[in-house]
């Protein structure tokens, strides 16, 4: 920034911009988990009394992720 621009820009807006970048740098992407309960998915059926093996990790079944979806499955 040049000296003229620094003088014409209020100090509070410079701090606001700095705070914005600090907060934005702290945001992280989330890897969320979930399960289909209505109707129950195959891994969660034991929770509703079906005679299937219990899968205590039914909220994080992994099917290959984003890379598998777009490279192997063509986005399907």
N, C-alpha and C. Protein backbone atom coordinates (compact mmCIF):
# COMPACT_ATOMS: atom_id res chain seq x y z
N UNK A 1 0.85 -1.18 0.00
CA UNK A 1 0.00 0.00 0.00
C UNK A 1 0.89 1.24 0.00
N UNK A 2 0.43 2.23 -0.69
CA UNK A 2 1.21 3.45 -0.69
C UNK A 2 0.76 4.36 0.44
N UNK A 3 1.50 5.43 0.66
CA UNK A 3 1.25 6.32 1.80
C UNK A 3 -0.09 7.04 1.67
N UNK A 4 -0.50 7.39 0.46
CA UNK A 4 -1.77 8.09 0.27
C UNK A 4 -2.94 7.17 0.63
N UNK A 5 -2.87 5.94 0.22
CA UNK A 5 -3.93 4.99 0.52
C UNK A 5 -4.00 4.72 2.02
N UNK A 6 -2.87 4.62 2.67
CA UNK A 6 -2.85 4.38 4.12
C UNK A 6 -3.50 5.53 4.87
N UNK A 7 -3.28 6.77 4.43
CA UNK A 7 -3.85 7.92 5.12
C UNK A 7 -5.36 8.01 4.88
N UNK A 8 -5.82 7.61 3.72
CA UNK A 8 -7.24 7.74 3.42
C UNK A 8 -8.08 6.59 3.97
N UNK A 9 -7.45 5.49 4.34
CA UNK A 9 -8.18 4.35 4.88
C UNK A 9 -8.25 4.46 6.40
N UNK A 10 -9.45 4.44 6.97
CA UNK A 10 -9.56 4.52 8.44
C UNK A 10 -8.87 3.34 9.12
N UNK A 11 -8.34 3.58 10.28
CA UNK A 11 -7.60 2.55 11.02
C UNK A 11 -8.50 1.38 11.39
N UNK A 12 -9.76 1.67 11.72
CA UNK A 12 -10.65 0.58 12.14
C UNK A 12 -10.91 -0.40 11.00
N UNK A 13 -10.94 0.09 9.75
CA UNK A 13 -11.19 -0.82 8.64
C UNK A 13 -9.99 -1.72 8.38
N UNK A 14 -8.78 -1.21 8.64
CA UNK A 14 -7.59 -2.04 8.49
C UNK A 14 -7.59 -3.14 9.54
N UNK A 15 -7.99 -2.81 10.76
CA UNK A 15 -8.07 -3.81 11.83
C UNK A 15 -9.17 -4.83 11.54
N UNK A 16 -10.28 -4.35 11.00
CA UNK A 16 -11.38 -5.24 10.66
C UNK A 16 -10.95 -6.25 9.61
N UNK A 17 -10.23 -5.79 8.62
CA UNK A 17 -9.73 -6.67 7.57
C UNK A 17 -8.73 -7.68 8.14
N UNK A 18 -7.87 -7.22 9.02
CA UNK A 18 -6.91 -8.11 9.67
C UNK A 18 -7.64 -9.17 10.49
N UNK A 19 -8.64 -8.76 11.27
CA UNK A 19 -9.42 -9.70 12.07
C UNK A 19 -10.14 -10.71 11.18
N UNK A 20 -10.66 -10.25 10.07
CA UNK A 20 -11.35 -11.14 9.14
C UNK A 20 -10.41 -12.24 8.65
N UNK A 21 -9.20 -11.88 8.28
CA UNK A 21 -8.24 -12.89 7.80
C UNK A 21 -7.81 -13.83 8.91
N UNK A 22 -7.67 -13.34 10.13
CA UNK A 22 -7.30 -14.19 11.25
C UNK A 22 -8.41 -15.21 11.52
N UNK A 23 -9.64 -14.76 11.60
CA UNK A 23 -10.76 -15.66 11.87
C UNK A 23 -10.92 -16.66 10.73
N UNK A 24 -10.79 -16.20 9.50
CA UNK A 24 -10.93 -17.10 8.36
C UNK A 24 -9.84 -18.15 8.31
N UNK A 25 -8.66 -17.81 8.80
CA UNK A 25 -7.57 -18.79 8.80
C UNK A 25 -7.77 -19.86 9.87
N UNK A 26 -8.61 -19.59 10.85
CA UNK A 26 -8.87 -20.56 11.91
C UNK A 26 -9.97 -21.55 11.54
N UNK A 27 -10.74 -21.24 10.52
CA UNK A 27 -11.82 -22.13 10.10
C UNK A 27 -11.22 -23.36 9.43
N UNK A 28 -11.69 -24.50 9.83
CA UNK A 28 -11.20 -25.76 9.28
C UNK A 28 -12.38 -26.50 8.65
N UNK A 29 -12.09 -27.30 7.66
CA UNK A 29 -13.13 -28.11 7.06
C UNK A 29 -13.51 -29.23 8.01
N UNK A 30 -14.76 -29.61 7.99
CA UNK A 30 -15.21 -30.68 8.88
C UNK A 30 -15.40 -31.97 8.10
N UNK A 31 -15.17 -33.04 8.77
CA UNK A 31 -15.46 -34.37 8.24
C UNK A 31 -16.58 -34.94 9.10
N UNK A 32 -17.79 -34.69 8.68
CA UNK A 32 -18.94 -35.05 9.51
C UNK A 32 -19.32 -36.51 9.34
N UNK A 33 -20.06 -37.00 10.31
CA UNK A 33 -20.55 -38.37 10.31
C UNK A 33 -22.07 -38.33 10.40
N UNK A 34 -22.69 -39.37 9.92
CA UNK A 34 -24.14 -39.45 10.01
C UNK A 34 -24.60 -40.85 9.69
N UNK A 35 -25.83 -41.14 10.07
CA UNK A 35 -26.40 -42.44 9.74
C UNK A 35 -27.84 -42.25 9.33
N UNK A 36 -28.30 -43.10 8.44
CA UNK A 36 -29.67 -43.05 7.96
C UNK A 36 -30.52 -43.90 8.89
N UNK A 37 -31.44 -43.26 9.62
CA UNK A 37 -32.26 -43.98 10.58
C UNK A 37 -33.70 -44.17 10.12
N UNK A 38 -34.16 -43.43 9.16
CA UNK A 38 -35.54 -43.53 8.71
C UNK A 38 -35.59 -43.61 7.21
N UNK A 39 -35.61 -44.69 6.55
CA UNK A 39 -35.54 -46.06 7.05
C UNK A 39 -34.12 -46.39 7.48
N UNK A 40 -33.98 -47.34 8.38
CA UNK A 40 -32.63 -47.66 8.87
C UNK A 40 -31.75 -48.24 7.77
N UNK A 41 -30.53 -47.77 7.71
CA UNK A 41 -29.58 -48.33 6.76
C UNK A 41 -29.11 -49.70 7.23
N UNK A 42 -28.46 -50.42 6.37
CA UNK A 42 -28.03 -51.79 6.67
C UNK A 42 -27.15 -51.85 7.92
N UNK A 43 -26.25 -50.88 8.10
CA UNK A 43 -25.35 -50.91 9.25
C UNK A 43 -26.02 -50.53 10.56
N UNK A 44 -27.19 -49.87 10.50
CA UNK A 44 -27.89 -49.44 11.71
C UNK A 44 -29.11 -50.28 12.04
N UNK A 45 -29.39 -51.31 11.28
CA UNK A 45 -30.60 -52.11 11.50
C UNK A 45 -30.60 -52.80 12.85
N UNK A 46 -29.43 -53.13 13.39
CA UNK A 46 -29.36 -53.80 14.69
C UNK A 46 -29.90 -52.90 15.79
N UNK A 47 -29.88 -51.60 15.60
CA UNK A 47 -30.40 -50.66 16.60
C UNK A 47 -31.92 -50.73 16.71
N UNK A 48 -32.56 -51.29 15.70
CA UNK A 48 -34.02 -51.37 15.67
C UNK A 48 -34.54 -52.78 15.85
N UNK A 49 -33.68 -53.69 16.31
CA UNK A 49 -34.11 -55.03 16.64
C UNK A 49 -33.99 -56.06 15.54
N UNK A 50 -33.43 -55.72 14.40
CA UNK A 50 -33.25 -56.70 13.34
C UNK A 50 -32.13 -57.67 13.72
N UNK A 51 -32.23 -58.89 13.26
CA UNK A 51 -31.23 -59.92 13.56
C UNK A 51 -30.04 -59.82 12.61
N UNK A 52 -29.25 -58.80 12.79
CA UNK A 52 -28.03 -58.59 12.00
C UNK A 52 -26.88 -58.33 12.97
N UNK A 53 -25.65 -58.56 12.55
CA UNK A 53 -24.52 -58.27 13.44
C UNK A 53 -24.46 -56.78 13.79
N UNK A 54 -24.15 -56.49 15.04
CA UNK A 54 -24.05 -55.10 15.49
C UNK A 54 -22.84 -54.42 14.87
N UNK A 55 -23.06 -53.23 14.36
CA UNK A 55 -22.00 -52.41 13.79
C UNK A 55 -21.95 -51.12 14.61
N UNK A 56 -21.08 -51.07 15.61
CA UNK A 56 -21.02 -49.92 16.48
C UNK A 56 -20.39 -48.71 15.80
N UNK A 57 -19.86 -48.89 14.63
CA UNK A 57 -19.23 -47.81 13.88
C UNK A 57 -20.11 -47.43 12.68
N UNK A 58 -21.43 -47.54 12.84
CA UNK A 58 -22.33 -47.36 11.71
C UNK A 58 -22.47 -45.91 11.26
N UNK A 59 -21.97 -44.96 12.02
CA UNK A 59 -22.05 -43.56 11.60
C UNK A 59 -20.86 -43.13 10.77
N UNK A 60 -19.90 -44.01 10.56
CA UNK A 60 -18.71 -43.60 9.79
C UNK A 60 -18.28 -44.67 8.81
N UNK A 61 -19.23 -45.30 8.16
CA UNK A 61 -18.87 -46.26 7.11
C UNK A 61 -18.23 -45.51 5.96
N UNK A 62 -17.15 -46.03 5.44
CA UNK A 62 -16.35 -45.33 4.44
C UNK A 62 -16.50 -46.01 3.09
N UNK A 63 -16.88 -45.25 2.08
CA UNK A 63 -17.09 -45.82 0.75
C UNK A 63 -16.09 -45.30 -0.27
N UNK A 64 -14.99 -44.75 0.17
CA UNK A 64 -13.95 -44.32 -0.76
C UNK A 64 -13.72 -42.83 -0.79
N UNK A 65 -14.66 -42.04 -0.36
CA UNK A 65 -14.48 -40.60 -0.29
C UNK A 65 -14.64 -39.88 -1.62
N UNK A 66 -14.28 -38.62 -1.60
CA UNK A 66 -14.46 -37.74 -2.76
C UNK A 66 -13.64 -38.21 -3.96
N UNK A 67 -12.42 -38.64 -3.72
CA UNK A 67 -11.56 -39.08 -4.82
C UNK A 67 -12.16 -40.29 -5.54
N UNK A 68 -12.64 -41.26 -4.77
CA UNK A 68 -13.26 -42.44 -5.37
C UNK A 68 -14.53 -42.07 -6.13
N UNK A 69 -15.31 -41.17 -5.56
CA UNK A 69 -16.57 -40.79 -6.20
C UNK A 69 -16.33 -40.15 -7.56
N UNK A 70 -15.34 -39.29 -7.66
CA UNK A 70 -15.15 -38.54 -8.90
C UNK A 70 -14.19 -39.22 -9.87
N UNK A 71 -13.27 -40.07 -9.41
CA UNK A 71 -12.36 -40.72 -10.35
C UNK A 71 -12.89 -42.07 -10.81
N UNK A 72 -13.35 -42.88 -9.89
CA UNK A 72 -13.80 -44.22 -10.25
C UNK A 72 -15.28 -44.27 -10.64
N UNK A 73 -16.10 -43.46 -9.98
CA UNK A 73 -17.55 -43.55 -10.18
C UNK A 73 -18.12 -42.44 -11.06
N UNK A 74 -17.26 -41.58 -11.59
CA UNK A 74 -17.69 -40.46 -12.46
C UNK A 74 -18.74 -39.57 -11.81
N UNK A 75 -18.59 -39.31 -10.50
CA UNK A 75 -19.48 -38.40 -9.80
C UNK A 75 -20.79 -38.98 -9.32
N UNK A 76 -21.00 -40.26 -9.51
CA UNK A 76 -22.26 -40.87 -9.07
C UNK A 76 -22.19 -41.32 -7.65
